[in-house]
């Protein structure tokens, strides 16, 4: 049956199906990473972004396509993770603007909205790179606009739109030489196409169910059991501010939420409510509570899969103990207003402690493979009491999310230090001076980090060739300022090679941050190598980070 117009409820079905298809295929998107390192996260970032938008609209019963798309765009923006997620959110944000005030859309209106989405995505990126999601979405949108008046229905529009998407994707290696060298297509563009194909499948009557990452089995989240058949469900905790104090009664609330689970703790302190419950239906518990106010912090843990999705990653402080064995921690904002506060994105126990010792007020746990969303930055800033707040993203794939959040926040001066690596963020912090004004501080810090060298050591997940360097699966790679410069069978040999590349006559300080998988004997050998071969000051930090065995800072 031909579809000549799409309303809000129909559009919602298309988007939900597109989100599920991307989720089911996100590991394939992750594997398209140019570098053969174990941190490909484009698919994960795009899926998290798309899922946030899908969650925002899934309960809507709204006939207006403009209203649904507006809600979708807002949800995606707040949930956007990584550069690919932010760009994806901007594509749909532009579509929302194109569909504003429309109850229904025909192919012409929809094609024009696709073009507006492309324009907004390009505007969001300071230096757009061709051969990426931007190129593919632009070329396909141009095609859609050119045929919109001649097609008779959405099925035809999507068919030709997808043909152009696929063709443009195949051309990406010709526009971006690194893709051709490594032999892959652009991962962000491929992720966007998965969404569009999922939408098209729904248009043609094919819908998807979510898969577990380990297989093709449908996941029934309300009936997860352990080997003995006992339902553990979800360890759910939230802190909220009660707005309807005249309606709220702690005893009555406890009686209402108690049937939803066990291990229940309900604590009220004036208009602040803290709840902990083990439940099979965390959504029901949240919906019940949300009637009375708004959430400050939410944490949900799947106790069977031991897979935790923390909705707000925050620095920890001891809270009421619970015998469930999970960490129920949150950060506490400064009670007195400060001139400056610093927010940093850090992964690894030792690195988090280091950044706190150097003056960070708030740590968002994240980094490679765990990019914070725009909303997490917004929530962090909301809990800080300061005149000026500096965000240190510490990752090039987090920078755009941080900058997007900073633009959204009103009523406080939020700046972003353009630190694209942990090394840059760490070095930048050494230049911070609370006696200087904000502009002077940012100028000093940004200027300094431009001369900081970053080295990283990790292992290869596949055979590859990069910039003339032959890489073998499971060998170790040395990455210097984003480029693979060596690959060796041993980790120590790789570290020594990359140090020789990084250190020159002007080098004064070398900082070695070693990861969770490195033992102290190996670190001692590396320190001895530095002492024997270079006249530099050496600092050793037990970072505890994942993925990268070593992060090396040369100043």
Protein backbone atom coordinates (compact mmCIF):
# COMPACT_ATOMS: atom_id res chain seq x y z
CA UNK A 1 0.00 0.00 0.00
CA UNK A 2 1.46 3.33 -1.08
CA UNK A 3 2.12 5.98 1.56
CA UNK A 4 1.42 9.46 0.24
CA UNK A 5 1.58 11.30 3.57
CA UNK A 6 3.17 10.66 6.98
CA UNK A 7 1.81 11.96 10.28
CA UNK A 8 3.38 12.05 13.73
CA UNK A 9 2.46 8.54 14.81
CA UNK A 10 3.67 7.03 11.53
CA UNK A 11 6.92 8.95 11.74
CA UNK A 12 7.44 7.70 15.29
CA UNK A 13 7.19 4.09 14.09
CA UNK A 14 9.78 4.74 11.39
CA UNK A 15 12.21 6.31 13.84
CA UNK A 16 11.81 3.59 16.47
CA UNK A 17 12.52 0.95 13.84
CA UNK A 18 15.54 2.88 12.58
CA UNK A 19 16.89 3.14 16.11
CA UNK A 20 16.54 -0.60 16.69
CA UNK A 21 18.21 -1.48 13.39
CA UNK A 22 21.17 0.75 14.25
CA UNK A 23 21.35 -0.78 17.73
CA UNK A 24 21.36 -4.30 16.29
CA UNK A 25 24.16 -3.43 13.87
CA UNK A 26 26.25 -1.08 16.00
CA UNK A 27 29.13 -3.56 16.40
CA UNK A 28 29.46 -3.66 12.61
CA UNK A 29 29.66 0.14 12.62
CA UNK A 30 32.23 0.06 15.44
CA UNK A 31 34.36 -2.35 13.41
CA UNK A 32 34.65 0.17 10.58
CA UNK A 33 37.00 2.22 12.74
CA UNK A 34 40.00 3.43 10.71
CA UNK A 35 42.52 2.55 13.41
CA UNK A 36 42.70 -1.17 14.32
CA UNK A 37 42.48 -0.27 18.02
CA UNK A 38 39.97 -1.72 20.52
CA UNK A 39 38.10 1.54 20.97
CA UNK A 40 35.92 1.86 17.87
CA UNK A 41 32.84 3.53 19.27
CA UNK A 42 31.08 5.30 16.39
CA UNK A 43 28.28 2.74 16.35
CA UNK A 44 27.90 2.86 20.12
CA UNK A 45 27.79 6.66 20.15
CA UNK A 46 25.29 6.90 17.34
CA UNK A 47 23.13 4.15 18.82
CA UNK A 48 23.08 5.84 22.24
CA UNK A 49 22.13 9.13 20.59
CA UNK A 50 19.39 7.56 18.49
CA UNK A 51 18.08 5.58 21.46
CA UNK A 52 17.80 8.75 23.53
CA UNK A 53 15.62 10.29 20.83
CA UNK A 54 13.56 7.12 20.46
CA UNK A 55 12.98 7.00 24.20
CA UNK A 56 11.75 10.60 24.14
CA UNK A 57 9.02 9.84 21.60
CA UNK A 58 8.11 6.19 22.24
CA UNK A 59 5.20 7.03 24.58
CA UNK A 60 3.88 9.91 22.45
CA UNK A 61 0.48 9.63 20.85
CA UNK A 62 0.81 12.69 18.67
CA UNK A 63 -0.65 13.14 15.18
CA UNK A 64 1.57 16.13 14.33
CA UNK A 65 4.79 15.12 12.61
CA UNK A 66 6.29 18.49 13.50
CA UNK A 67 5.66 17.95 17.21
CA UNK A 68 7.04 14.41 17.19
CA UNK A 69 10.15 15.47 15.30
CA UNK A 70 10.74 18.37 17.70
CA UNK A 71 10.62 16.01 20.70
CA UNK A 72 12.87 13.54 18.89
CA UNK A 73 15.45 16.21 18.11
CA UNK A 74 15.52 17.44 21.70
CA UNK A 75 15.95 13.91 23.03
CA UNK A 76 18.75 13.18 20.58
CA UNK A 77 20.56 16.40 21.37
CA UNK A 78 20.52 15.77 25.12
CA UNK A 79 21.59 12.17 24.60
CA UNK A 80 24.20 12.90 21.91
CA UNK A 81 27.53 11.15 22.50
CA UNK A 82 30.72 11.69 20.55
CA UNK A 83 31.17 13.71 17.40
CA UNK A 84 29.17 11.23 15.33
CA UNK A 85 26.28 11.39 17.79
CA UNK A 86 26.23 15.19 17.82
CA UNK A 87 26.26 15.34 14.01
CA UNK A 88 23.47 12.76 13.85
CA UNK A 89 21.43 14.79 16.33
CA UNK A 90 21.94 17.91 14.22
CA UNK A 91 20.72 16.13 11.10
CA UNK A 92 17.44 15.34 12.85
CA UNK A 93 17.30 18.76 14.50
CA UNK A 94 17.37 20.37 11.05
CA UNK A 95 14.68 17.96 9.86
CA UNK A 96 12.58 19.05 12.85
CA UNK A 97 12.93 22.68 11.80
CA UNK A 98 11.90 21.75 8.30
CA UNK A 99 8.78 19.99 9.58
CA UNK A 100 7.88 22.65 12.12
CA UNK A 101 4.15 23.43 12.19
CA UNK A 102 3.35 20.54 9.84
CA UNK A 103 0.66 18.09 10.93
CA UNK A 104 1.51 15.77 8.04
CA UNK A 105 4.27 15.70 5.45
CA UNK A 106 4.27 14.70 1.82
CA UNK A 107 7.44 13.64 -0.06
CA UNK A 108 8.22 17.20 -1.16
CA UNK A 109 8.02 18.62 2.38
CA UNK A 110 9.98 15.69 3.79
CA UNK A 111 12.75 15.97 1.19
CA UNK A 112 13.11 19.70 1.89
CA UNK A 113 13.39 18.87 5.60
CA UNK A 114 16.17 16.37 4.86
CA UNK A 115 18.06 19.14 3.10
CA UNK A 116 17.56 21.47 6.06
CA UNK A 117 18.96 18.77 8.32
CA UNK A 118 22.13 18.64 6.23
CA UNK A 119 22.53 22.41 6.40
CA UNK A 120 22.28 22.39 10.18
CA UNK A 121 24.73 19.50 10.53
CA UNK A 122 27.31 21.30 8.39
CA UNK A 123 26.84 24.47 10.42
CA UNK A 124 27.52 22.57 13.65
CA UNK A 125 30.98 21.42 12.52
CA UNK A 126 33.71 24.06 12.47
CA UNK A 127 35.81 22.29 9.86
CA UNK A 128 33.56 19.91 7.89
CA UNK A 129 35.40 16.94 6.38
CA UNK A 130 34.18 15.46 3.13
CA UNK A 131 33.97 11.71 2.78
CA UNK A 132 32.00 11.44 6.01
CA UNK A 133 28.40 11.31 7.23
CA UNK A 134 28.09 14.95 6.18
CA UNK A 135 28.90 14.22 2.55
CA UNK A 136 26.67 11.16 2.33
CA UNK A 137 23.68 12.86 3.92
CA UNK A 138 24.14 15.93 1.69
CA UNK A 139 24.39 14.06 -1.59
CA UNK A 140 21.40 11.86 -0.74
CA UNK A 141 19.31 14.83 0.42
CA UNK A 142 20.06 16.63 -2.84
CA UNK A 143 18.85 13.55 -4.68
CA UNK A 144 15.67 13.41 -2.60
CA UNK A 145 14.90 17.06 -3.30
CA UNK A 146 15.49 16.58 -7.03
CA UNK A 147 13.02 13.70 -7.33
CA UNK A 148 10.44 14.67 -4.70
CA UNK A 149 8.07 16.31 -7.17
CA UNK A 150 8.13 13.33 -9.52
CA UNK A 151 7.65 10.44 -7.08
CA UNK A 152 4.15 9.39 -6.11
CA UNK A 153 4.74 8.09 -2.58
CA UNK A 154 7.23 7.75 0.28
CA UNK A 155 8.16 4.23 -0.76
CA UNK A 156 9.60 5.58 -4.01
CA UNK A 157 11.28 8.50 -2.27
CA UNK A 158 13.01 6.28 0.27
CA UNK A 159 14.02 3.74 -2.36
CA UNK A 160 15.89 6.29 -4.46
CA UNK A 161 17.16 8.14 -1.37
CA UNK A 162 18.76 4.92 -0.10
CA UNK A 163 20.25 4.09 -3.50
CA UNK A 164 22.05 7.44 -3.41
CA UNK A 165 23.07 6.95 0.24
CA UNK A 166 24.70 3.61 -0.61
CA UNK A 167 26.40 5.01 -3.70
CA UNK A 168 27.73 8.00 -1.79
CA UNK A 169 28.98 5.73 0.99
CA UNK A 170 30.97 3.71 -1.53
CA UNK A 171 32.56 6.94 -2.74
CA UNK A 172 33.78 8.02 0.71
CA UNK A 173 37.22 6.37 0.34
CA UNK A 174 37.82 8.48 -2.77
CA UNK A 175 37.22 11.66 -0.77
CA UNK A 176 39.02 10.68 2.41
CA UNK A 177 42.38 9.04 1.62
CA UNK A 178 42.77 7.39 5.02
CA UNK A 179 39.63 5.33 4.37
CA UNK A 180 41.09 4.05 1.10
CA UNK A 181 44.44 3.27 2.71
CA UNK A 182 42.87 1.18 5.45
CA UNK A 183 40.21 -0.30 3.16
CA UNK A 184 37.04 0.78 4.94
CA UNK A 185 34.05 3.04 4.31
CA UNK A 186 33.09 5.88 6.64
CA UNK A 187 31.60 4.49 9.84
CA UNK A 188 29.43 7.51 10.68
CA UNK A 189 27.85 7.50 7.23
CA UNK A 190 27.26 3.75 7.49
CA UNK A 191 25.54 4.27 10.85
CA UNK A 192 23.25 6.95 9.43
CA UNK A 193 22.30 4.62 6.58
CA UNK A 194 21.34 1.90 9.06
CA UNK A 195 18.86 4.34 10.62
CA UNK A 196 17.38 5.30 7.25
CA UNK A 197 17.10 1.67 6.15
CA UNK A 198 15.34 0.82 9.39
CA UNK A 199 12.87 3.63 8.73
CA UNK A 200 12.34 2.34 5.20
CA UNK A 201 11.81 -1.20 6.47
CA UNK A 202 9.06 0.04 8.79
CA UNK A 203 7.50 1.88 5.87
CA UNK A 204 7.34 -1.44 4.04
CA UNK A 205 5.98 -3.41 6.99
CA UNK A 206 9.21 -4.93 8.36
CA UNK A 207 9.86 -4.20 12.03
CA UNK A 208 12.76 -5.20 14.25
CA UNK A 209 13.24 -6.42 17.79
CA UNK A 210 16.35 -5.54 19.80
CA UNK A 211 19.04 -8.20 19.99
CA UNK A 212 21.40 -9.01 22.79
CA UNK A 213 24.92 -8.01 21.81
CA UNK A 214 26.05 -11.63 22.14
CA UNK A 215 23.44 -13.15 19.85
CA UNK A 216 20.24 -12.89 17.94
CA UNK A 217 17.88 -13.54 20.83
CA UNK A 218 15.11 -11.14 21.71
CA UNK A 219 15.54 -9.46 25.06
CA UNK A 220 12.56 -9.45 27.39
CA UNK A 221 13.62 -6.93 29.99
CA UNK A 222 10.76 -7.76 32.34
CA UNK A 223 11.65 -11.41 32.65
CA UNK A 224 15.41 -11.73 33.03
CA UNK A 225 16.32 -14.70 35.21
CA UNK A 226 19.49 -16.20 36.59
CA UNK A 227 20.47 -19.84 36.24
CA UNK A 228 18.30 -20.82 39.20
CA UNK A 229 15.29 -19.03 37.72
CA UNK A 230 15.24 -16.20 40.25
CA UNK A 231 14.43 -12.71 38.97
CA UNK A 232 16.93 -10.12 40.21
CA UNK A 233 15.83 -7.34 37.87
CA UNK A 234 17.30 -3.88 38.19
CA UNK A 235 18.94 -2.13 41.09
CA UNK A 236 17.29 1.26 40.71
CA UNK A 237 18.23 4.40 42.60
CA UNK A 238 17.24 7.99 42.11
CA UNK A 239 17.39 11.33 43.85
CA UNK A 240 14.72 13.86 43.03
CA UNK A 241 13.45 17.26 44.07
CA UNK A 242 9.82 17.24 45.15
CA UNK A 243 7.86 20.08 43.57
CA UNK A 244 4.35 19.03 44.69
CA UNK A 245 5.04 19.14 48.41
CA UNK A 246 1.33 19.60 49.15
CA UNK A 247 0.58 16.27 47.43
CA UNK A 248 3.54 14.21 48.61
CA UNK A 249 3.34 11.97 51.65
CA UNK A 250 6.34 9.75 52.32
CA UNK A 251 4.35 6.95 53.92
CA UNK A 252 1.79 6.84 51.12
CA UNK A 253 4.52 7.00 48.49
CA UNK A 254 6.34 4.08 50.13
CA UNK A 255 3.13 2.04 50.14
CA UNK A 256 2.62 2.76 46.43
CA UNK A 257 6.15 1.92 45.28
CA UNK A 258 6.69 -1.09 47.56
CA UNK A 259 4.74 -3.58 45.38
CA UNK A 260 7.12 -2.86 42.50
CA UNK A 261 10.10 -4.58 44.15
CA UNK A 262 12.15 -5.20 47.25
CA UNK A 263 15.25 -3.87 49.08
CA UNK A 264 13.32 -0.63 49.27
CA UNK A 265 14.78 2.47 50.92
CA UNK A 266 12.85 5.77 50.87
CA UNK A 267 14.50 8.78 52.50
CA UNK A 268 13.04 12.30 52.53
CA UNK A 269 14.94 15.43 53.53
CA UNK A 270 12.57 18.37 53.14
CA UNK A 271 11.99 18.56 49.37
CA UNK A 272 14.72 16.06 48.44
CA UNK A 273 13.73 12.41 48.04
CA UNK A 274 16.12 9.48 47.72
CA UNK A 275 14.81 6.06 46.67
CA UNK A 276 16.53 2.70 46.26
CA UNK A 277 14.63 -0.36 45.02
CA UNK A 278 15.28 -3.68 43.27
CA UNK A 279 12.59 -3.99 40.63
CA UNK A 280 11.79 -5.74 37.37
CA UNK A 281 10.13 -2.57 36.07
CA UNK A 282 12.31 0.47 36.82
CA UNK A 283 10.26 2.58 34.42
CA UNK A 284 7.16 2.12 36.58
CA UNK A 285 9.08 3.27 39.66
CA UNK A 286 10.40 6.34 37.83
CA UNK A 287 6.99 7.22 36.40
CA UNK A 288 5.43 7.01 39.84
CA UNK A 289 8.05 9.30 41.35
CA UNK A 290 8.11 11.78 38.49
CA UNK A 291 4.54 12.80 39.26
CA UNK A 292 5.86 14.66 42.29
CA UNK A 293 8.89 16.48 40.88
CA UNK A 294 12.03 16.17 38.78
CA UNK A 295 15.07 13.91 38.94
CA UNK A 296 18.51 15.07 40.04
CA UNK A 297 20.28 11.73 39.66
CA UNK A 298 19.22 8.36 38.26
CA UNK A 299 21.16 5.10 38.33
CA UNK A 300 19.88 1.75 37.00
CA UNK A 301 21.92 -1.46 37.11
CA UNK A 302 20.98 -4.79 35.52
CA UNK A 303 21.89 -7.22 38.30
CA UNK A 304 21.74 -10.32 36.09
CA UNK A 305 23.91 -9.16 33.21
CA UNK A 306 26.13 -7.04 35.46
CA UNK A 307 25.87 -4.44 32.78
CA UNK A 308 25.44 -0.92 34.15
CA UNK A 309 24.04 2.02 32.29
CA UNK A 310 24.64 5.09 34.44
CA UNK A 311 22.38 7.88 33.29
CA UNK A 312 24.49 10.46 35.10
CA UNK A 313 28.20 9.59 35.54
CA UNK A 314 29.43 11.62 38.49
CA UNK A 315 32.26 11.79 41.00
CA UNK A 316 31.59 9.64 44.03
CA UNK A 317 30.80 10.32 47.65
CA UNK A 318 29.81 7.72 50.21
CA UNK A 319 26.07 7.26 50.61
CA UNK A 320 23.81 5.02 52.64
CA UNK A 321 25.07 1.46 52.44
CA UNK A 322 23.02 -1.25 50.82
CA UNK A 323 23.58 -4.99 50.90
CA UNK A 324 23.10 -5.35 47.13
CA UNK A 325 26.80 -4.81 46.48
CA UNK A 326 26.40 -1.96 44.01
CA UNK A 327 27.85 1.50 44.26
CA UNK A 328 25.16 4.11 44.95
CA UNK A 329 27.24 7.24 44.76
CA UNK A 330 26.80 10.78 43.58
CA UNK A 331 28.64 14.03 43.57
CA UNK A 332 27.86 16.96 45.77
CA UNK A 333 28.15 20.45 44.33
CA UNK A 334 30.08 23.10 46.25
CA UNK A 335 27.78 24.74 48.81
CA UNK A 336 29.58 28.10 48.63
CA UNK A 337 29.87 29.94 45.37
CA UNK A 338 33.36 29.87 43.87
CA UNK A 339 34.98 32.02 41.23
CA UNK A 340 36.07 28.98 39.22
CA UNK A 341 35.06 25.35 38.92
CA UNK A 342 36.56 22.74 36.62
CA UNK A 343 34.77 19.75 35.09
CA UNK A 344 36.86 17.00 33.48
CA UNK A 345 36.03 13.83 31.58
CA UNK A 346 38.27 11.06 32.88
CA UNK A 347 38.38 7.26 32.91
CA UNK A 348 40.49 5.28 35.37
CA UNK A 349 40.62 5.45 39.16
CA UNK A 350 44.15 6.83 39.31
CA UNK A 351 43.53 9.44 36.63
CA UNK A 352 40.36 10.60 38.34
CA UNK A 353 42.25 11.02 41.62
CA UNK A 354 45.03 12.89 39.81
CA UNK A 355 42.66 15.35 38.18
CA UNK A 356 40.88 15.95 41.49
CA UNK A 357 44.19 16.59 43.24
CA UNK A 358 45.03 19.10 40.51
CA UNK A 359 41.89 21.11 41.22
CA UNK A 360 38.99 19.53 39.34
CA UNK A 361 35.68 20.01 41.15
CA UNK A 362 33.65 17.51 39.17
CA UNK A 363 34.59 14.37 37.26
CA UNK A 364 32.38 12.91 34.55
CA UNK A 365 33.47 9.33 34.11
CA UNK A 366 34.06 8.70 30.44
CA UNK A 367 36.39 8.92 27.53
CA UNK A 368 37.15 6.53 24.73
CA UNK A 369 34.29 4.02 24.20
CA UNK A 370 32.31 5.80 26.94
CA UNK A 371 31.64 9.28 25.62
CA UNK A 372 29.46 11.44 27.89
CA UNK A 373 26.26 12.83 26.44
CA UNK A 374 25.43 16.50 26.10
CA UNK A 375 22.93 16.05 28.92
CA UNK A 376 25.63 14.79 31.28
CA UNK A 377 27.57 18.01 30.82
CA UNK A 378 24.42 20.06 31.39
CA UNK A 379 23.60 18.11 34.56
CA UNK A 380 27.15 18.53 35.84
CA UNK A 381 27.07 22.29 35.39
CA UNK A 382 23.67 22.51 37.07
CA UNK A 383 25.15 21.03 40.24
CA UNK A 384 28.10 23.40 40.41
CA UNK A 385 28.00 26.77 42.14
CA UNK A 386 30.60 28.97 40.41
CA UNK A 387 30.90 32.13 38.35
CA UNK A 388 33.02 30.48 35.67
CA UNK A 389 33.10 26.79 34.77
CA UNK A 390 35.80 25.25 32.58
CA UNK A 391 35.06 21.91 30.91
CA UNK A 392 38.05 19.75 29.97
CA UNK A 393 36.85 17.03 27.55
CA UNK A 394 40.22 15.21 27.29
CA UNK A 395 39.15 13.49 24.07
CA UNK A 396 38.66 14.74 20.52
CA UNK A 397 35.44 12.69 20.30
CA UNK A 398 34.04 14.41 23.40
CA UNK A 399 34.97 17.98 22.47
CA UNK A 400 31.93 18.63 20.25
CA UNK A 401 29.49 17.36 22.89
CA UNK A 402 31.10 19.61 25.50
CA UNK A 403 30.95 22.64 23.21
CA UNK A 404 27.32 21.90 22.32
CA UNK A 405 26.40 21.72 26.01
CA UNK A 406 28.25 24.96 26.77
CA UNK A 407 26.20 26.80 24.14
CA UNK A 408 22.95 25.47 25.59
CA UNK A 409 23.61 26.46 29.21
CA UNK A 410 22.27 29.83 30.32
CA UNK A 411 22.92 31.89 33.44
CA UNK A 412 26.54 30.80 33.98
CA UNK A 413 29.77 31.35 32.08
CA UNK A 414 30.83 27.95 30.71
CA UNK A 415 34.02 27.58 28.68
CA UNK A 416 35.63 24.54 27.04
CA UNK A 417 39.36 23.91 27.07
CA UNK A 418 40.15 22.40 23.67
CA UNK A 419 41.99 19.44 25.18
CA UNK A 420 41.66 16.49 22.79
CA UNK A 421 43.70 14.06 24.89
CA UNK A 422 44.28 13.22 28.54
CA UNK A 423 47.83 14.50 28.08
CA UNK A 424 46.63 17.90 26.92
CA UNK A 425 44.07 18.16 29.70
CA UNK A 426 46.62 17.17 32.33
CA UNK A 427 49.18 19.65 31.04
CA UNK A 428 46.58 22.37 30.68
CA UNK A 429 45.59 22.05 34.31
CA UNK A 430 49.16 22.85 35.36
CA UNK A 431 48.73 26.27 33.75
CA UNK A 432 45.46 27.15 35.50
CA UNK A 433 45.75 30.15 37.81
CA UNK A 434 42.75 31.09 39.93
CA UNK A 435 44.09 34.65 40.35
CA UNK A 436 43.80 35.34 36.61
CA UNK A 437 40.58 36.21 34.81
CA UNK A 438 38.77 33.61 32.74
CA UNK A 439 39.90 34.86 29.31
CA UNK A 440 43.55 35.00 30.35
CA UNK A 441 43.33 31.52 31.84
CA UNK A 442 41.79 29.97 28.75
CA UNK A 443 44.28 31.69 26.48
CA UNK A 444 47.25 30.50 28.55
CA UNK A 445 45.92 26.96 28.85
CA UNK A 446 44.94 26.61 25.18
CA UNK A 447 48.25 28.04 23.99
CA UNK A 448 50.22 25.70 26.23
CA UNK A 449 48.48 22.48 25.22
CA UNK A 450 49.22 23.11 21.54
CA UNK A 451 52.84 22.18 22.25
CA UNK A 452 52.08 19.13 24.39
CA UNK A 453 52.83 15.78 22.74
CA UNK A 454 50.58 12.78 23.34
CA UNK A 455 51.62 9.15 23.05
CA UNK A 456 49.39 6.12 23.46
CA UNK A 457 50.05 2.40 23.47
CA UNK A 458 47.39 -0.23 22.85
CA UNK A 459 46.95 -3.50 20.96
CA UNK A 460 45.68 -4.13 17.43
CA UNK A 461 42.36 -5.88 16.92
CA UNK A 462 43.07 -6.80 13.28
CA UNK A 463 45.81 -6.91 10.65
CA UNK A 464 46.16 -3.59 8.88
CA UNK A 465 48.53 -1.16 7.20
CA UNK A 466 48.58 2.49 8.24
CA UNK A 467 50.86 5.15 6.78
CA UNK A 468 53.35 2.46 5.75
CA UNK A 469 53.34 0.76 9.16
CA UNK A 470 52.44 -2.93 8.93
CA UNK A 471 50.23 -3.93 11.84
CA UNK A 472 49.56 -7.45 13.06
CA UNK A 473 46.57 -8.51 15.12
CA UNK A 474 47.34 -8.60 18.87
CA UNK A 475 50.64 -6.75 18.40
CA UNK A 476 51.09 -3.46 20.22
CA UNK A 477 50.86 -0.10 18.49
CA UNK A 478 52.43 3.22 19.37
CA UNK A 479 50.29 6.25 18.51
CA UNK A 480 51.92 9.69 18.46
CA UNK A 481 49.56 12.68 18.27
CA UNK A 482 46.88 10.58 16.62
CA UNK A 483 49.09 8.76 14.11
CA UNK A 484 50.29 5.18 14.36
CA UNK A 485 54.09 5.31 14.18
CA UNK A 486 55.10 1.80 15.24
CA UNK A 487 53.79 -1.70 15.83
CA UNK A 488 55.74 -4.36 17.73
CA UNK A 489 55.24 -7.74 19.32
CA UNK A 490 56.02 -6.51 22.85
CA UNK A 491 54.52 -3.60 24.74
CA UNK A 492 57.82 -2.45 26.22
CA UNK A 493 59.48 -2.36 22.80
CA UNK A 494 56.57 -0.28 21.52
CA UNK A 495 56.89 2.17 24.43
CA UNK A 496 60.61 2.62 23.86
CA UNK A 497 60.06 3.27 20.15
CA UNK A 498 57.37 5.88 20.71
CA UNK A 499 59.45 7.64 23.37
CA UNK A 500 62.30 7.96 20.87
CA UNK A 501 59.85 9.52 18.42
CA UNK A 502 58.43 11.95 20.98
CA UNK A 503 61.43 13.19 22.94
CA UNK A 504 63.72 15.87 21.50
CA UNK A 505 66.26 18.37 22.83
CA UNK A 506 63.56 20.71 24.07
CA UNK A 507 61.78 18.05 26.15
CA UNK A 508 61.82 18.74 29.87
CA UNK A 509 59.12 16.52 31.40
CA UNK A 510 57.81 13.06 30.49
CA UNK A 511 54.73 11.78 32.31
CA UNK A 512 53.87 8.08 32.06
CA UNK A 513 50.27 7.15 32.93
CA UNK A 514 49.97 3.38 32.99
CA UNK A 515 46.77 1.43 32.65
CA UNK A 516 44.95 -1.25 34.54
CA UNK A 517 46.64 -4.10 32.63
CA UNK A 518 50.26 -3.02 33.30
CA UNK A 519 52.33 -4.36 36.21
CA UNK A 520 54.81 -2.25 38.17
CA UNK A 521 57.85 -4.30 37.05
CA UNK A 522 57.25 -3.27 33.45
CA UNK A 523 56.83 0.35 34.52
CA UNK A 524 60.15 0.17 36.37
CA UNK A 525 61.87 -1.14 33.23
CA UNK A 526 60.42 1.73 31.23
CA UNK A 527 61.53 4.26 33.84
CA UNK A 528 65.06 2.80 33.76
CA UNK A 529 65.09 3.11 29.97
CA UNK A 530 64.19 6.79 30.25
CA UNK A 531 66.83 7.47 32.91
CA UNK A 532 69.54 5.73 30.88
CA UNK A 533 68.78 7.38 27.55
CA UNK A 534 67.31 10.84 28.15
CA UNK A 535 67.97 13.84 30.38
CA UNK A 536 64.37 14.51 31.32
CA UNK A 537 62.27 14.70 34.45
CA UNK A 538 60.05 11.60 34.69
CA UNK A 539 56.71 11.40 36.48
CA UNK A 540 54.86 8.11 36.88
CA UNK A 541 51.09 7.93 37.49
CA UNK A 542 49.07 4.78 38.07
CA UNK A 543 46.15 5.83 35.90
CA UNK A 544 44.09 2.64 35.94
CA UNK A 545 42.63 3.48 32.50
CA UNK A 546 41.23 0.89 30.12
CA UNK A 547 42.07 0.38 26.42
CA UNK A 548 45.38 2.25 26.46
CA UNK A 549 48.16 0.53 28.42
CA UNK A 550 50.15 3.73 28.44
CA UNK A 551 49.32 7.38 27.96
CA UNK A 552 52.52 9.39 27.59
CA UNK A 553 52.74 13.16 27.99
CA UNK A 554 55.81 14.99 26.72
CA UNK A 555 56.28 18.67 27.59
